[in-house]
Amino acid sequence: MYWDLIIIVAIILVAVICLRRFSSFVYIVGIIDIFLRLVTFIANNLGVPEITQLVNRIGFPSSIPSLIGKYTDGILTTVLVWIFVIIMIVFEFYVIRTFIRKKK
């Protein structure tokens, strides 16, 4: 089943509907990508077969770019991945700006 796509679309819809600012959308995309990467890392490196089987059975993608590559092809994949990269650059800018403001 397409659980990975359903989960991602639902979270993005909630983010767009509830969190109307662009920065909120950027944070949600960053949080989702970090979460997916952590789940993949834990499943691959923890050494507990039950967790690995659970993650594989549910079908978690390893990251948002892998999710994009799974459901698109060709130039659309390239465009969407570059949009993702730009969103992650903005995410890094927001995180660094927050740390600089907290330091002062």
PDB file of N, CA and C in Angstrom:
ATOM      1  N   MET A   1       0.837  -1.183   0.000  1.00  0.00           N
ATOM      2  CA  MET A   1       0.000   0.000   0.000  1.00  0.00           C
ATOM      3  C   MET A   1       0.880   1.244   0.000  1.00  0.00           C
ATOM      4  N   TYR A   2       0.307   2.370  -0.245  1.00  0.00           N
ATOM      5  CA  TYR A   2       1.033   3.634  -0.353  1.00  0.00           C
ATOM      6  C   TYR A   2       1.023   4.390   0.964  1.00  0.00           C
ATOM      7  N   TRP A   3       1.381   3.738   2.065  1.00  0.00           N
ATOM      8  CA  TRP A   3       1.344   4.397   3.365  1.00  0.00           C
ATOM      9  C   TRP A   3       2.287   5.582   3.423  1.00  0.00           C
ATOM     10  N   ASP A   4       3.453   5.453   2.835  1.00  0.00           N
ATOM     11  CA  ASP A   4       4.415   6.545   2.890  1.00  0.00           C
ATOM     12  C   ASP A   4       3.871   7.792   2.215  1.00  0.00           C
ATOM     13  N   LEU A   5       3.262   7.625   1.077  1.00  0.00           N
ATOM     14  CA  LEU A   5       2.703   8.771   0.366  1.00  0.00           C
ATOM     15  C   LEU A   5       1.517   9.366   1.119  1.00  0.00           C
ATOM     16  N   ILE A   6       0.675   8.519   1.683  1.00  0.00           N
ATOM     17  CA  ILE A   6      -0.494   8.994   2.434  1.00  0.00           C
ATOM     18  C   ILE A   6      -0.054   9.795   3.658  1.00  0.00           C
ATOM     19  N   ILE A   7       0.939   9.307   4.377  1.00  0.00           N
ATOM     20  CA  ILE A   7       1.420  10.001   5.572  1.00  0.00           C
ATOM     21  C   ILE A   7       2.014  11.348   5.213  1.00  0.00           C
ATOM     22  N   ILE A   8       2.855  11.389   4.200  1.00  0.00           N
ATOM     23  CA  ILE A   8       3.505  12.635   3.811  1.00  0.00           C
ATOM     24  C   ILE A   8       2.474  13.658   3.315  1.00  0.00           C
ATOM     25  N   VAL A   9       1.550  13.239   2.483  1.00  0.00           N
ATOM     26  CA  VAL A   9       0.530  14.152   1.963  1.00  0.00           C
ATOM     27  C   VAL A   9      -0.344  14.675   3.105  1.00  0.00           C
ATOM     28  N   ALA A  10      -0.698  13.819   4.051  1.00  0.00           N
ATOM     29  CA  ALA A  10      -1.524  14.252   5.178  1.00  0.00           C
ATOM     30  C   ALA A  10      -0.793  15.284   6.037  1.00  0.00           C
ATOM     31  N   ILE A  11       0.478  15.058   6.301  1.00  0.00           N
ATOM     32  CA  ILE A  11       1.238  16.003   7.114  1.00  0.00           C
ATOM     33  C   ILE A  11       1.408  17.329   6.383  1.00  0.00           C
ATOM     34  N   ILE A  12       1.678  17.286   5.107  1.00  0.00           N
ATOM     35  CA  ILE A  12       1.835  18.531   4.349  1.00  0.00           C
ATOM     36  C   ILE A  12       0.516  19.279   4.267  1.00  0.00           C
ATOM     37  N   LEU A  13      -0.597  18.567   4.078  1.00  0.00           N
ATOM     38  CA  LEU A  13      -1.910  19.234   4.055  1.00  0.00           C
ATOM     39  C   LEU A  13      -2.222  19.896   5.390  1.00  0.00           C
ATOM     40  N   VAL A  14      -1.929  19.225   6.487  1.00  0.00           N
ATOM     41  CA  VAL A  14      -2.143  19.819   7.802  1.00  0.00           C
ATOM     42  C   VAL A  14      -1.260  21.051   7.965  1.00  0.00           C
ATOM     43  N   ALA A  15      -0.019  20.953   7.496  1.00  0.00           N
ATOM     44  CA  ALA A  15       0.887  22.091   7.604  1.00  0.00           C
ATOM     45  C   ALA A  15       0.396  23.280   6.792  1.00  0.00           C
ATOM     46  N   VAL A  16      -0.091  23.026   5.592  1.00  0.00           N
ATOM     47  CA  VAL A  16      -0.549  24.116   4.732  1.00  0.00           C
ATOM     48  C   VAL A  16      -1.845  24.727   5.266  1.00  0.00           C
ATOM     49  N   ILE A  17      -2.739  23.883   5.773  1.00  0.00           N
ATOM     50  CA  ILE A  17      -4.021  24.383   6.255  1.00  0.00           C
ATOM     51  C   ILE A  17      -3.868  25.083   7.602  1.00  0.00           C
ATOM     52  N   CYS A  18      -3.146  24.467   8.528  1.00  0.00           N
ATOM     53  CA  CYS A  18      -3.042  25.011   9.879  1.00  0.00           C
ATOM     54  C   CYS A  18      -1.930  26.042  10.021  1.00  0.00           C
ATOM     55  N   LEU A  19      -0.830  25.819   9.373  1.00  0.00           N
ATOM     56  CA  LEU A  19       0.329  26.697   9.505  1.00  0.00           C
ATOM     57  C   LEU A  19       0.508  27.460   8.198  1.00  0.00           C
ATOM     58  N   ARG A  20      -0.030  28.626   8.141  1.00  0.00           N
ATOM     59  CA  ARG A  20      -0.114  29.342   6.871  1.00  0.00           C
ATOM     60  C   ARG A  20       1.158  30.083   6.479  1.00  0.00           C
ATOM     61  N   ARG A  21       2.108  30.214   7.379  1.00  0.00           N
ATOM     62  CA  ARG A  21       3.335  30.929   7.040  1.00  0.00           C
ATOM     63  C   ARG A  21       4.318  30.014   6.316  1.00  0.00           C
ATOM     64  N   PHE A  22       5.133  30.599   5.460  1.00  0.00           N
ATOM     65  CA  PHE A  22       6.118  29.827   4.704  1.00  0.00           C
ATOM     66  C   PHE A  22       7.139  29.189   5.632  1.00  0.00           C
ATOM     67  N   SER A  23       7.525  29.884   6.682  1.00  0.00           N
ATOM     68  CA  SER A  23       8.514  29.331   7.610  1.00  0.00           C
ATOM     69  C   SER A  23       7.981  28.072   8.288  1.00  0.00           C
ATOM     70  N   SER A  24       6.708  28.035   8.592  1.00  0.00           N
ATOM     71  CA  SER A  24       6.114  26.837   9.194  1.00  0.00           C
ATOM     72  C   SER A  24       6.181  25.666   8.227  1.00  0.00           C
ATOM     73  N   PHE A  25       5.907  25.918   6.964  1.00  0.00           N
ATOM     74  CA  PHE A  25       5.998  24.873   5.946  1.00  0.00           C
ATOM     75  C   PHE A  25       7.429  24.352   5.834  1.00  0.00           C
ATOM     76  N   VAL A  26       8.395  25.269   5.862  1.00  0.00           N
ATOM     77  CA  VAL A  26       9.806  24.875   5.773  1.00  0.00           C
ATOM     78  C   VAL A  26      10.184  24.017   6.972  1.00  0.00           C
ATOM     79  N   TYR A  27       9.754  24.409   8.159  1.00  0.00           N
ATOM     80  CA  TYR A  27      10.054  23.617   9.348  1.00  0.00           C
ATOM     81  C   TYR A  27       9.427  22.230   9.268  1.00  0.00           C
ATOM     82  N   ILE A  28       8.198  22.126   8.799  1.00  0.00           N
ATOM     83  CA  ILE A  28       7.536  20.824   8.684  1.00  0.00           C
ATOM     84  C   ILE A  28       8.290  19.919   7.709  1.00  0.00           C
ATOM     85  N   VAL A  29       8.706  20.463   6.568  1.00  0.00           N
ATOM     86  CA  VAL A  29       9.451  19.661   5.591  1.00  0.00           C
ATOM     87  C   VAL A  29      10.772  19.189   6.202  1.00  0.00           C
ATOM     88  N   GLY A  30      11.459  20.084   6.909  1.00  0.00           N
ATOM     89  CA  GLY A  30      12.712  19.699   7.568  1.00  0.00           C
ATOM     90  C   GLY A  30      12.501  18.632   8.628  1.00  0.00           C
ATOM     91  N   ILE A  31      11.460  18.782   9.423  1.00  0.00           N
ATOM     92  CA  ILE A  31      11.167  17.811  10.476  1.00  0.00           C
ATOM     93  C   ILE A  31      10.828  16.448   9.878  1.00  0.00           C
ATOM     94  N   ILE A  32      10.022  16.432   8.835  1.00  0.00           N
ATOM     95  CA  ILE A  32       9.648  15.162   8.200  1.00  0.00           C
ATOM     96  C   ILE A  32      10.883  14.466   7.638  1.00  0.00           C
ATOM     97  N   ASP A  33      11.755  15.222   6.958  1.00  0.00           N
ATOM     98  CA  ASP A  33      12.940  14.609   6.365  1.00  0.00           C
ATOM     99  C   ASP A  33      13.875  14.066   7.444  1.00  0.00           C
ATOM    100  N   ILE A  34      14.085  14.827   8.506  1.00  0.00           N
ATOM    101  CA  ILE A  34      14.939  14.359   9.596  1.00  0.00           C
ATOM    102  C   ILE A  34      14.337  13.111  10.243  1.00  0.00           C
ATOM    103  N   PHE A  35      13.014  13.097  10.446  1.00  0.00           N
ATOM    104  CA  PHE A  35      12.351  11.932  11.031  1.00  0.00           C
ATOM    105  C   PHE A  35      12.541  10.687  10.164  1.00  0.00           C
ATOM    106  N   LEU A  36      12.331  10.834   8.862  1.00  0.00           N
ATOM    107  CA  LEU A  36      12.489   9.686   7.962  1.00  0.00           C
ATOM    108  C   LEU A  36      13.916   9.159   7.963  1.00  0.00           C
ATOM    109  N   ARG A  37      14.886  10.065   7.984  1.00  0.00           N
ATOM    110  CA  ARG A  37      16.283   9.642   8.012  1.00  0.00           C
ATOM    111  C   ARG A  37      16.624   8.948   9.327  1.00  0.00           C
ATOM    112  N   LEU A  38      16.076   9.442  10.451  1.00  0.00           N
ATOM    113  CA  LEU A  38      16.317   8.797  11.742  1.00  0.00           C
ATOM    114  C   LEU A  38      15.707   7.399  11.797  1.00  0.00           C
ATOM    115  N   VAL A  39      14.486   7.257  11.304  1.00  0.00           N
ATOM    116  CA  VAL A  39      13.840   5.937  11.299  1.00  0.00           C
ATOM    117  C   VAL A  39      14.656   4.956  10.463  1.00  0.00           C
ATOM    118  N   THR A  40      15.130   5.388   9.319  1.00  0.00           N
ATOM    119  CA  THR A  40      15.945   4.525   8.461  1.00  0.00           C
ATOM    120  C   THR A  40      17.255   4.159   9.141  1.00  0.00           C
ATOM    121  N   PHE A  41      17.894   5.131   9.765  1.00  0.00           N
ATOM    122  CA  PHE A  41      19.162   4.869  10.456  1.00  0.00           C
ATOM    123  C   PHE A  41      18.965   3.881  11.595  1.00  0.00           C
ATOM    124  N   ILE A  42      17.925   4.090  12.396  1.00  0.00           N
ATOM    125  CA  ILE A  42      17.656   3.190  13.519  1.00  0.00           C
ATOM    126  C   ILE A  42      17.352   1.781  13.020  1.00  0.00           C
ATOM    127  N   ALA A  43      16.545   1.675  11.980  1.00  0.00           N
ATOM    128  CA  ALA A  43      16.198   0.350  11.451  1.00  0.00           C
ATOM    129  C   ALA A  43      17.421  -0.377  10.905  1.00  0.00           C
ATOM    130  N   ASN A  44      18.327   0.353  10.281  1.00  0.00           N
ATOM    131  CA  ASN A  44      19.497  -0.286   9.668  1.00  0.00           C
ATOM    132  C   ASN A  44      20.618  -0.567  10.655  1.00  0.00           C
ATOM    133  N   ASN A  45      20.739   0.226  11.719  1.00  0.00           N
ATOM    134  CA  ASN A  45      21.926   0.135  12.573  1.00  0.00           C
ATOM    135  C   ASN A  45      21.662  -0.315  14.006  1.00  0.00           C
ATOM    136  N   LEU A  46      20.429  -0.455  14.411  1.00  0.00           N
ATOM    137  CA  LEU A  46      20.153  -0.845  15.788  1.00  0.00           C
ATOM    138  C   LEU A  46      20.404  -2.331  16.020  1.00  0.00           C
ATOM    139  N   GLY A  47      20.180  -3.135  15.022  1.00  0.00           N
ATOM    140  CA  GLY A  47      20.434  -4.562  15.145  1.00  0.00           C
ATOM    141  C   GLY A  47      19.279  -5.360  15.732  1.00  0.00           C
ATOM    142  N   VAL A  48      18.111  -4.748  15.803  1.00  0.00           N
ATOM    143  CA  VAL A  48      16.925  -5.446  16.296  1.00  0.00           C
ATOM    144  C   VAL A  48      16.084  -5.827  15.083  1.00  0.00           C
ATOM    145  N   PRO A  49      15.988  -7.118  14.786  1.00  0.00           N
ATOM    146  CA  PRO A  49      15.286  -7.530  13.560  1.00  0.00           C
ATOM    147  C   PRO A  49      13.812  -7.139  13.536  1.00  0.00           C
ATOM    148  N   GLU A  50      13.172  -7.071  14.702  1.00  0.00           N
ATOM    149  CA  GLU A  50      11.759  -6.706  14.742  1.00  0.00           C
ATOM    150  C   GLU A  50      11.532  -5.285  14.257  1.00  0.00           C
ATOM    151  N   ILE A  51      12.423  -4.383  14.661  1.00  0.00           N
ATOM    152  CA  ILE A  51      12.285  -2.988  14.229  1.00  0.00           C
ATOM    153  C   ILE A  51      12.553  -2.875  12.736  1.00  0.00           C
ATOM    154  N   THR A  52      13.576  -3.565  12.258  1.00  0.00           N
ATOM    155  CA  THR A  52      13.881  -3.539  10.828  1.00  0.00           C
ATOM    156  C   THR A  52      12.720  -4.098  10.013  1.00  0.00           C
ATOM    157  N   GLN A  53      12.135  -5.196  10.470  1.00  0.00           N
ATOM    158  CA  GLN A  53      10.993  -5.777   9.762  1.00  0.00           C
ATOM    159  C   GLN A  53       9.790  -4.844   9.786  1.00  0.00           C
ATOM    160  N   LEU A  54       9.565  -4.175  10.928  1.00  0.00           N
ATOM    161  CA  LEU A  54       8.443  -3.242  11.036  1.00  0.00           C
ATOM    162  C   LEU A  54       8.599  -2.077  10.063  1.00  0.00           C
ATOM    163  N   VAL A  55       9.791  -1.497  10.025  1.00  0.00           N
ATOM    164  CA  VAL A  55      10.037  -0.368   9.118  1.00  0.00           C
ATOM    165  C   VAL A  55       9.910  -0.815   7.672  1.00  0.00           C
ATOM    166  N   ASN A  56      10.420  -1.997   7.351  1.00  0.00           N
ATOM    167  CA  ASN A  56      10.321  -2.497   5.976  1.00  0.00           C
ATOM    168  C   ASN A  56       8.880  -2.848   5.608  1.00  0.00           C
ATOM    169  N   ARG A  57       8.128  -3.405   6.556  1.00  0.00           N
ATOM    170  CA  ARG A  57       6.740  -3.769   6.280  1.00  0.00           C
ATOM    171  C   ARG A  57       5.871  -2.525   6.079  1.00  0.00           C
ATOM    172  N   ILE A  58       6.082  -1.513   6.915  1.00  0.00           N
ATOM    173  CA  ILE A  58       5.315  -0.277   6.759  1.00  0.00           C
ATOM    174  C   ILE A  58       5.719   0.428   5.469  1.00  0.00           C
ATOM    175  N   GLY A  59       6.974   0.348   5.118  1.00  0.00           N
ATOM    176  CA  GLY A  59       7.435   0.938   3.867  1.00  0.00           C
ATOM    177  C   GLY A  59       7.860   2.383   4.004  1.00  0.00           C
ATOM    178  N   PHE A  60       8.480   2.730   5.138  1.00  0.00           N
ATOM    179  CA  PHE A  60       8.974   4.092   5.304  1.00  0.00           C
ATOM    180  C   PHE A  60      10.017   4.393   4.243  1.00  0.00           C
ATOM    181  N   PRO A  61       9.896   5.530   3.580  1.00  0.00           N
ATOM    182  CA  PRO A  61      10.969   5.929   2.654  1.00  0.00           C
ATOM    183  C   PRO A  61      12.172   6.400   3.465  1.00  0.00           C
ATOM    184  N   SER A  62      13.341   6.371   2.877  1.00  0.00           N
ATOM    185  CA  SER A  62      14.534   6.768   3.619  1.00  0.00           C
ATOM    186  C   SER A  62      14.661   8.285   3.740  1.00  0.00           C
ATOM    187  N   SER A  63      14.048   9.024   2.836  1.00  0.00           N
ATOM    188  CA  SER A  63      14.079  10.488   2.894  1.00  0.00           C
ATOM    189  C   SER A  63      13.050  11.035   1.917  1.00  0.00           C
ATOM    190  N   ILE A  64      12.865  12.328   1.950  1.00  0.00           N
ATOM    191  CA  ILE A  64      11.920  12.953   1.024  1.00  0.00           C
ATOM    192  C   ILE A  64      12.406  12.835  -0.426  1.00  0.00           C
ATOM    193  N   PRO A  65      13.707  13.026  -0.719  1.00  0.00           N
ATOM    194  CA  PRO A  65      14.138  12.824  -2.112  1.00  0.00           C
ATOM    195  C   PRO A  65      13.899  11.398  -2.615  1.00  0.00           C
ATOM    196  N   SER A  66      14.048  10.400  -1.747  1.00  0.00           N
ATOM    197  CA  SER A  66      13.759   9.035  -2.204  1.00  0.00           C
ATOM    198  C   SER A  66      12.268   8.856  -2.450  1.00  0.00           C
ATOM    199  N   LEU A  67      11.446   9.541  -1.676  1.00  0.00           N
ATOM    200  CA  LEU A  67      10.003   9.507  -1.899  1.00  0.00           C
ATOM    201  C   LEU A  67       9.645  10.176  -3.221  1.00  0.00           C
ATOM    202  N   ILE A  68      10.297  11.294  -3.510  1.00  0.00           N
ATOM    203  CA  ILE A  68      10.077  11.983  -4.785  1.00  0.00           C
ATOM    204  C   ILE A  68      10.497  11.081  -5.944  1.00  0.00           C
ATOM    205  N   GLY A  69      11.651  10.435  -5.814  1.00  0.00           N
ATOM    206  CA  GLY A  69      12.136   9.555  -6.862  1.00  0.00           C
ATOM    207  C   GLY A  69      11.272   8.325  -7.065  1.00  0.00           C
ATOM    208  N   LYS A  70      10.588   7.905  -6.004  1.00  0.00           N
ATOM    209  CA  LYS A  70       9.738   6.722  -6.096  1.00  0.00           C
ATOM    210  C   LYS A  70       8.467   6.990  -6.894  1.00  0.00           C
ATOM    211  N   TYR A  71       7.924   8.194  -6.779  1.00  0.00           N
ATOM    212  CA  TYR A  71       6.630   8.491  -7.399  1.00  0.00           C
ATOM    213  C   TYR A  71       6.700   9.388  -8.631  1.00  0.00           C
ATOM    214  N   THR A  72       7.872   9.894  -8.972  1.00  0.00           N
ATOM    215  CA  THR A  72       7.995  10.719 -10.175  1.00  0.00           C
ATOM    216  C   THR A  72       9.143  10.191 -11.020  1.00  0.00           C
ATOM    217  N   ASP A  73       9.272  10.764 -12.215  1.00  0.00           N
ATOM    218  CA  ASP A  73      10.307  10.308 -13.122  1.00  0.00           C
ATOM    219  C   ASP A  73      10.731  11.458 -14.021  1.00  0.00           C
ATOM    220  N   GLY A  74      11.973  11.435 -14.442  1.00  0.00           N
ATOM    221  CA  GLY A  74      12.465  12.385 -15.431  1.00  0.00           C
ATOM    222  C   GLY A  74      12.686  13.781 -14.890  1.00  0.00           C
ATOM    223  N   ILE A  75      12.287  14.749 -15.678  1.00  0.00           N
ATOM    224  CA  ILE A  75      12.535  16.148 -15.363  1.00  0.00           C
ATOM    225  C   ILE A  75      11.743  16.593 -14.136  1.00  0.00           C
ATOM    226  N   LEU A  76      10.572  16.005 -13.912  1.00  0.00           N
ATOM    227  CA  LEU A  76       9.782  16.349 -12.732  1.00  0.00           C
ATOM    228  C   LEU A  76      10.532  15.975 -11.458  1.00  0.00           C
ATOM    229  N   THR A  77      11.217  14.847 -11.458  1.00  0.00           N
ATOM    230  CA  THR A  77      12.027  14.452 -10.309  1.00  0.00           C
ATOM    231  C   THR A  77      13.118  15.473 -10.059  1.00  0.00           C
ATOM    232  N   THR A  78      13.796  15.876 -11.110  1.00  0.00           N
ATOM    233  CA  THR A  78      14.869  16.852 -10.975  1.00  0.00           C
ATOM    234  C   THR A  78      14.349  18.169 -10.417  1.00  0.00           C
ATOM    235  N   VAL A  79      13.241  18.644 -10.931  1.00  0.00           N
ATOM    236  CA  VAL A  79      12.669  19.917 -10.473  1.00  0.00           C
ATOM    237  C   VAL A  79      12.244  19.810  -9.009  1.00  0.00           C
ATOM    238  N   LEU A  80      11.560  18.736  -8.648  1.00  0.00           N
ATOM    239  CA  LEU A  80      11.095  18.582  -7.262  1.00  0.00           C
ATOM    240  C   LEU A  80      12.249  18.423  -6.279  1.00  0.00           C
ATOM    241  N   VAL A  81      13.294  17.712  -6.676  1.00  0.00           N
ATOM    242  CA  VAL A  81      14.451  17.565  -5.791  1.00  0.00           C
ATOM    243  C   VAL A  81      15.147  18.911  -5.608  1.00  0.00           C
ATOM    244  N   TRP A  82      15.245  19.711  -6.671  1.00  0.00           N
ATOM    245  CA  TRP A  82      15.846  21.035  -6.519  1.00  0.00           C
ATOM    246  C   TRP A  82      14.974  21.948  -5.655  1.00  0.00           C
ATOM    247  N   ILE A  83      13.680  21.838  -5.746  1.00  0.00           N
ATOM    248  CA  ILE A  83      12.793  22.595  -4.849  1.00  0.00           C
ATOM    249  C   ILE A  83      13.021  22.149  -3.415  1.00  0.00           C
ATOM    250  N   PHE A  84      13.170  20.838  -3.213  1.00  0.00           N
ATOM    251  CA  PHE A  84      13.461  20.328  -1.875  1.00  0.00           C
ATOM    252  C   PHE A  84      14.791  20.875  -1.356  1.00  0.00           C
ATOM    253  N   VAL A  85      15.802  20.907  -2.202  1.00  0.00           N
ATOM    254  CA  VAL A  85      17.113  21.432  -1.793  1.00  0.00           C
ATOM    255  C   VAL A  85      16.993  22.897  -1.390  1.00  0.00           C
ATOM    256  N   ILE A  86      16.251  23.678  -2.136  1.00  0.00           N
ATOM    257  CA  ILE A  86      16.059  25.096  -1.797  1.00  0.00           C
ATOM    258  C   ILE A  86      15.323  25.229  -0.460  1.00  0.00           C
ATOM    259  N   ILE A  87      14.309  24.393  -0.249  1.00  0.00           N
ATOM    260  CA  ILE A  87      13.583  24.423   1.026  1.00  0.00           C
ATOM    261  C   ILE A  87      14.523  24.050   2.172  1.00  0.00           C
ATOM    262  N   MET A  88      15.405  23.083   1.975  1.00  0.00           N
ATOM    263  CA  MET A  88      16.340  22.699   3.033  1.00  0.00           C
ATOM    264  C   MET A  88      17.384  23.787   3.287  1.00  0.00           C
ATOM    265  N   ILE A  89      17.775  24.533   2.251  1.00  0.00           N
ATOM    266  CA  ILE A  89      18.685  25.662   2.454  1.00  0.00           C
ATOM    267  C   ILE A  89      17.997  26.735   3.295  1.00  0.00           C
ATOM    268  N   VAL A  90      16.735  27.005   3.007  1.00  0.00           N
ATOM    269  CA  VAL A  90      15.970  27.964   3.800  1.00  0.00           C
ATOM    270  C   VAL A  90      15.819  27.456   5.232  1.00  0.00           C
ATOM    271  N   PHE A  91      15.593  26.147   5.402  1.00  0.00           N
ATOM    272  CA  PHE A  91      15.501  25.544   6.731  1.00  0.00           C
ATOM    273  C   PHE A  91      16.794  25.775   7.510  1.00  0.00           C
ATOM    274  N   GLU A  92      17.924  25.530   6.870  1.00  0.00           N
ATOM    275  CA  GLU A  92      19.216  25.773   7.518  1.00  0.00           C
ATOM    276  C   GLU A  92      19.373  27.245   7.901  1.00  0.00           C
ATOM    277  N   PHE A  93      18.943  28.146   7.031  1.00  0.00           N
ATOM    278  CA  PHE A  93      19.008  29.568   7.326  1.00  0.00           C
ATOM    279  C   PHE A  93      18.187  29.897   8.572  1.00  0.00           C
ATOM    280  N   TYR A  94      16.958  29.352   8.656  1.00  0.00           N
ATOM    281  CA  TYR A  94      16.107  29.610   9.822  1.00  0.00           C
ATOM    282  C   TYR A  94      16.725  29.048  11.097  1.00  0.00           C
ATOM    283  N   VAL A  95      17.310  27.859  11.032  1.00  0.00           N
ATOM    284  CA  VAL A  95      17.917  27.258  12.215  1.00  0.00           C
ATOM    285  C   VAL A  95      19.129  28.063  12.671  1.00  0.00           C
ATOM    286  N   ILE A  96      19.985  28.433  11.739  1.00  0.00           N
ATOM    287  CA  ILE A  96      21.175  29.221  12.080  1.00  0.00           C
ATOM    288  C   ILE A  96      20.774  30.584  12.621  1.00  0.00           C
ATOM    289  N   ARG A  97      19.793  31.214  12.007  1.00  0.00           N
ATOM    290  CA  ARG A  97      19.318  32.517  12.484  1.00  0.00           C
ATOM    291  C   ARG A  97      18.774  32.414  13.907  1.00  0.00           C
ATOM    292  N   THR A  98      18.071  31.341  14.201  1.00  0.00           N
ATOM    293  CA  THR A  98      17.541  31.142  15.547  1.00  0.00           C
ATOM    294  C   THR A  98      18.673  30.991  16.554  1.00  0.00           C
ATOM    295  N   PHE A  99      19.707  30.228  16.222  1.00  0.00           N
ATOM    296  CA  PHE A  99      20.834  30.065  17.129  1.00  0.00           C
ATOM    297  C   PHE A  99      21.574  31.381  17.344  1.00  0.00           C
ATOM    298  N   ILE A 100      21.734  32.176  16.310  1.00  0.00           N
ATOM    299  CA  ILE A 100      22.414  33.461  16.444  1.00  0.00           C
ATOM    300  C   ILE A 100      21.610  34.410  17.321  1.00  0.00           C
ATOM    301  N   ARG A 101      20.304  34.433  17.156  1.00  0.00           N
ATOM    302  CA  ARG A 101      19.452  35.298  17.980  1.00  0.00           C
ATOM    303  C   ARG A 101      19.465  34.866  19.433  1.00  0.00           C
ATOM    304  N   LYS A 102      19.501  33.570  19.698  1.00  0.00           N
ATOM    305  CA  LYS A 102      19.514  33.073  21.070  1.00  0.00           C
ATOM    306  C   LYS A 102      20.831  33.384  21.761  1.00  0.00           C
ATOM    307  N   LYS A 103      21.897  33.462  20.993  1.00  0.00           N
ATOM    308  CA  LYS A 103      23.229  33.721  21.547  1.00  0.00           C
ATOM    309  C   LYS A 103      23.362  35.154  22.059  1.00  0.00           C
ATOM    310  N   LYS A 104      22.677  36.098  21.428  1.00  0.00           N
ATOM    311  CA  LYS A 104      22.816  37.509  21.792  1.00  0.00           C
ATOM    312  C   LYS A 104      22.165  37.815  23.065  1.00  0.00           C
TER     313      LYS A 104
END
